[in-house]
């Protein structure tokens, strides 16, 4: 309805490529660490291990962070300005509806080990 381009076309493509590469890289790296630990990366499966290496040293939720980067990259790639405007709403919504539940489960499952991890590593970065 109101077409707006967030950046000049060349810059938009460059930033989109960076965000997409970073998002995919973060997701696949995180999933690989889960598999190596013998755990499922799917949040609806029981947690078999607490992964703290790789991107989990800096973020408790690198897969969700990767998805946010993909979202922003696709929005830039297709010049969907409104999707970028709405992007800041995604982290609090994901935290409220998904991550809170996951964190409660992980605290029950791993106890003090997870609580210490929460104190040391931020939710997003």
C-alpha atoms as a PDB file:
ATOM      1  CA  UNK A   1       0.000   0.000   0.000  1.00  0.00           C
ATOM      2  CA  UNK A   2       2.830   2.390   0.897  1.00  0.00           C
ATOM      3  CA  UNK A   3       5.942   1.129  -0.896  1.00  0.00           C
ATOM      4  CA  UNK A   4       9.097   2.387   0.752  1.00  0.00           C
ATOM      5  CA  UNK A   5      12.648   1.277   0.183  1.00  0.00           C
ATOM      6  CA  UNK A   6      14.801   1.270   3.316  1.00  0.00           C
ATOM      7  CA  UNK A   7      18.148   1.662   1.492  1.00  0.00           C
ATOM      8  CA  UNK A   8      19.448   2.235  -2.022  1.00  0.00           C
ATOM      9  CA  UNK A   9      19.133  -1.014  -4.030  1.00  0.00           C
ATOM     10  CA  UNK A  10      22.850  -1.954  -4.036  1.00  0.00           C
ATOM     11  CA  UNK A  11      23.256  -1.272  -0.321  1.00  0.00           C
ATOM     12  CA  UNK A  12      20.040  -3.142   0.441  1.00  0.00           C
ATOM     13  CA  UNK A  13      21.263  -6.215  -1.463  1.00  0.00           C
ATOM     14  CA  UNK A  14      24.654  -6.110   0.251  1.00  0.00           C
ATOM     15  CA  UNK A  15      23.190  -5.812   3.763  1.00  0.00           C
ATOM     16  CA  UNK A  16      20.561  -8.462   2.961  1.00  0.00           C
ATOM     17  CA  UNK A  17      23.261 -10.899   1.806  1.00  0.00           C
ATOM     18  CA  UNK A  18      25.247 -10.286   4.981  1.00  0.00           C
ATOM     19  CA  UNK A  19      22.197 -10.774   7.230  1.00  0.00           C
ATOM     20  CA  UNK A  20      21.112 -13.923   5.388  1.00  0.00           C
ATOM     21  CA  UNK A  21      24.602 -15.438   5.537  1.00  0.00           C
ATOM     22  CA  UNK A  22      24.949 -14.568   9.228  1.00  0.00           C
ATOM     23  CA  UNK A  23      21.482 -15.904  10.030  1.00  0.00           C
ATOM     24  CA  UNK A  24      21.973 -19.202   8.205  1.00  0.00           C
ATOM     25  CA  UNK A  25      25.472 -19.549   9.636  1.00  0.00           C
ATOM     26  CA  UNK A  26      24.280 -19.008  13.185  1.00  0.00           C
ATOM     27  CA  UNK A  27      21.381 -21.438  12.821  1.00  0.00           C
ATOM     28  CA  UNK A  28      23.401 -24.230  11.222  1.00  0.00           C
ATOM     29  CA  UNK A  29      26.318 -23.790  13.631  1.00  0.00           C
ATOM     30  CA  UNK A  30      23.917 -23.971  16.584  1.00  0.00           C
ATOM     31  CA  UNK A  31      22.094 -26.992  15.211  1.00  0.00           C
ATOM     32  CA  UNK A  32      25.395 -28.770  14.614  1.00  0.00           C
ATOM     33  CA  UNK A  33      26.422 -28.210  18.236  1.00  0.00           C
ATOM     34  CA  UNK A  34      23.112 -29.656  19.421  1.00  0.00           C
ATOM     35  CA  UNK A  35      23.549 -32.731  17.255  1.00  0.00           C
ATOM     36  CA  UNK A  36      27.160 -33.182  18.398  1.00  0.00           C
ATOM     37  CA  UNK A  37      25.954 -33.060  22.024  1.00  0.00           C
ATOM     38  CA  UNK A  38      23.333 -35.715  21.252  1.00  0.00           C
ATOM     39  CA  UNK A  39      20.503 -33.254  21.768  1.00  0.00           C
ATOM     40  CA  UNK A  40      17.655 -32.236  19.487  1.00  0.00           C
ATOM     41  CA  UNK A  41      17.564 -28.614  18.327  1.00  0.00           C
ATOM     42  CA  UNK A  42      13.762 -28.803  18.279  1.00  0.00           C
ATOM     43  CA  UNK A  43      12.312 -27.033  21.327  1.00  0.00           C
ATOM     44  CA  UNK A  44       9.409 -29.487  21.640  1.00  0.00           C
ATOM     45  CA  UNK A  45      11.769 -32.415  22.283  1.00  0.00           C
ATOM     46  CA  UNK A  46      13.226 -33.177  25.745  1.00  0.00           C
ATOM     47  CA  UNK A  47      16.573 -31.506  26.422  1.00  0.00           C
ATOM     48  CA  UNK A  48      19.353 -34.095  26.570  1.00  0.00           C
ATOM     49  CA  UNK A  49      22.229 -31.665  27.155  1.00  0.00           C
ATOM     50  CA  UNK A  50      22.912 -28.031  27.950  1.00  0.00           C
ATOM     51  CA  UNK A  51      24.971 -26.645  25.080  1.00  0.00           C
ATOM     52  CA  UNK A  52      27.274 -23.810  26.171  1.00  0.00           C
ATOM     53  CA  UNK A  53      29.914 -23.709  23.428  1.00  0.00           C
ATOM     54  CA  UNK A  54      30.095 -21.907  20.105  1.00  0.00           C
ATOM     55  CA  UNK A  55      27.536 -19.113  19.806  1.00  0.00           C
ATOM     56  CA  UNK A  56      25.970 -20.261  23.089  1.00  0.00           C
ATOM     57  CA  UNK A  57      28.912 -18.571  24.835  1.00  0.00           C
ATOM     58  CA  UNK A  58      27.462 -15.193  23.812  1.00  0.00           C
ATOM     59  CA  UNK A  59      23.741 -15.844  23.388  1.00  0.00           C
ATOM     60  CA  UNK A  60      21.336 -18.248  25.078  1.00  0.00           C
ATOM     61  CA  UNK A  61      19.203 -18.176  21.933  1.00  0.00           C
ATOM     62  CA  UNK A  62      21.419 -18.047  18.842  1.00  0.00           C
ATOM     63  CA  UNK A  63      18.895 -19.951  16.710  1.00  0.00           C
ATOM     64  CA  UNK A  64      16.190 -17.366  17.409  1.00  0.00           C
ATOM     65  CA  UNK A  65      18.745 -14.631  16.800  1.00  0.00           C
ATOM     66  CA  UNK A  66      19.603 -16.309  13.485  1.00  0.00           C
ATOM     67  CA  UNK A  67      15.918 -16.381  12.549  1.00  0.00           C
ATOM     68  CA  UNK A  68      15.661 -12.667  13.318  1.00  0.00           C
ATOM     69  CA  UNK A  69      18.654 -12.007  11.032  1.00  0.00           C
ATOM     70  CA  UNK A  70      16.982 -14.075   8.281  1.00  0.00           C
ATOM     71  CA  UNK A  71      13.747 -12.118   8.736  1.00  0.00           C
ATOM     72  CA  UNK A  72      15.573  -8.797   8.385  1.00  0.00           C
ATOM     73  CA  UNK A  73      17.616 -10.084   5.442  1.00  0.00           C
ATOM     74  CA  UNK A  74      14.538 -11.223   3.526  1.00  0.00           C
ATOM     75  CA  UNK A  75      12.766  -7.943   4.308  1.00  0.00           C
ATOM     76  CA  UNK A  76      15.712  -6.005   2.857  1.00  0.00           C
ATOM     77  CA  UNK A  77      16.115  -8.336  -0.099  1.00  0.00           C
ATOM     78  CA  UNK A  78      12.508  -7.783  -1.147  1.00  0.00           C
ATOM     79  CA  UNK A  79      12.320  -4.124  -0.028  1.00  0.00           C
ATOM     80  CA  UNK A  80       9.628  -4.770   2.562  1.00  0.00           C
ATOM     81  CA  UNK A  81      10.145  -1.687   4.678  1.00  0.00           C
ATOM     82  CA  UNK A  82       7.196  -2.399   6.970  1.00  0.00           C
ATOM     83  CA  UNK A  83       8.662  -5.766   7.923  1.00  0.00           C
ATOM     84  CA  UNK A  84      11.789  -3.939   9.074  1.00  0.00           C
ATOM     85  CA  UNK A  85       9.713  -1.463  11.060  1.00  0.00           C
ATOM     86  CA  UNK A  86       8.016  -4.390  12.822  1.00  0.00           C
ATOM     87  CA  UNK A  87      11.282  -6.302  13.430  1.00  0.00           C
ATOM     88  CA  UNK A  88      11.926  -4.725  16.875  1.00  0.00           C
ATOM     89  CA  UNK A  89       8.648  -6.248  18.063  1.00  0.00           C
ATOM     90  CA  UNK A  90       9.809  -9.786  17.326  1.00  0.00           C
ATOM     91  CA  UNK A  91      12.370 -10.312  20.134  1.00  0.00           C
ATOM     92  CA  UNK A  92       9.982  -9.344  22.947  1.00  0.00           C
ATOM     93  CA  UNK A  93       7.186 -11.420  21.404  1.00  0.00           C
ATOM     94  CA  UNK A  94       9.416 -14.477  21.020  1.00  0.00           C
ATOM     95  CA  UNK A  95      10.737 -13.989  24.553  1.00  0.00           C
ATOM     96  CA  UNK A  96       7.226 -13.700  25.989  1.00  0.00           C
ATOM     97  CA  UNK A  97       5.526 -16.516  24.083  1.00  0.00           C
ATOM     98  CA  UNK A  98       8.367 -18.997  23.557  1.00  0.00           C
ATOM     99  CA  UNK A  99      11.593 -18.376  25.455  1.00  0.00           C
ATOM    100  CA  UNK A 100      10.022 -17.885  28.899  1.00  0.00           C
ATOM    101  CA  UNK A 101       8.481 -21.347  28.678  1.00  0.00           C
ATOM    102  CA  UNK A 102      11.739 -22.865  27.431  1.00  0.00           C
ATOM    103  CA  UNK A 103      13.716 -21.225  30.234  1.00  0.00           C
ATOM    104  CA  UNK A 104      11.323 -22.535  32.900  1.00  0.00           C
ATOM    105  CA  UNK A 105      11.725 -26.030  31.466  1.00  0.00           C
ATOM    106  CA  UNK A 106      15.526 -25.751  31.319  1.00  0.00           C
ATOM    107  CA  UNK A 107      15.672 -24.547  34.922  1.00  0.00           C
ATOM    108  CA  UNK A 108      13.609 -27.562  35.990  1.00  0.00           C
ATOM    109  CA  UNK A 109      15.712 -29.922  33.866  1.00  0.00           C
ATOM    110  CA  UNK A 110      19.227 -28.593  34.611  1.00  0.00           C
ATOM    111  CA  UNK A 111      18.713 -26.652  37.861  1.00  0.00           C
ATOM    112  CA  UNK A 112      21.634 -24.596  39.147  1.00  0.00           C
ATOM    113  CA  UNK A 113      23.746 -25.338  36.062  1.00  0.00           C
ATOM    114  CA  UNK A 114      21.211 -23.517  33.879  1.00  0.00           C
ATOM    115  CA  UNK A 115      20.699 -20.714  36.409  1.00  0.00           C
ATOM    116  CA  UNK A 116      24.474 -20.052  36.423  1.00  0.00           C
ATOM    117  CA  UNK A 117      24.473 -20.103  32.624  1.00  0.00           C
ATOM    118  CA  UNK A 118      21.606 -17.561  32.596  1.00  0.00           C
ATOM    119  CA  UNK A 119      23.605 -15.269  34.870  1.00  0.00           C
ATOM    120  CA  UNK A 120      26.682 -15.484  32.626  1.00  0.00           C
ATOM    121  CA  UNK A 121      25.129 -15.270  29.148  1.00  0.00           C
ATOM    122  CA  UNK A 122      22.531 -12.811  27.876  1.00  0.00           C
ATOM    123  CA  UNK A 123      19.296 -13.918  26.291  1.00  0.00           C
ATOM    124  CA  UNK A 124      20.054 -12.423  22.868  1.00  0.00           C
ATOM    125  CA  UNK A 125      23.684 -11.257  22.955  1.00  0.00           C
END
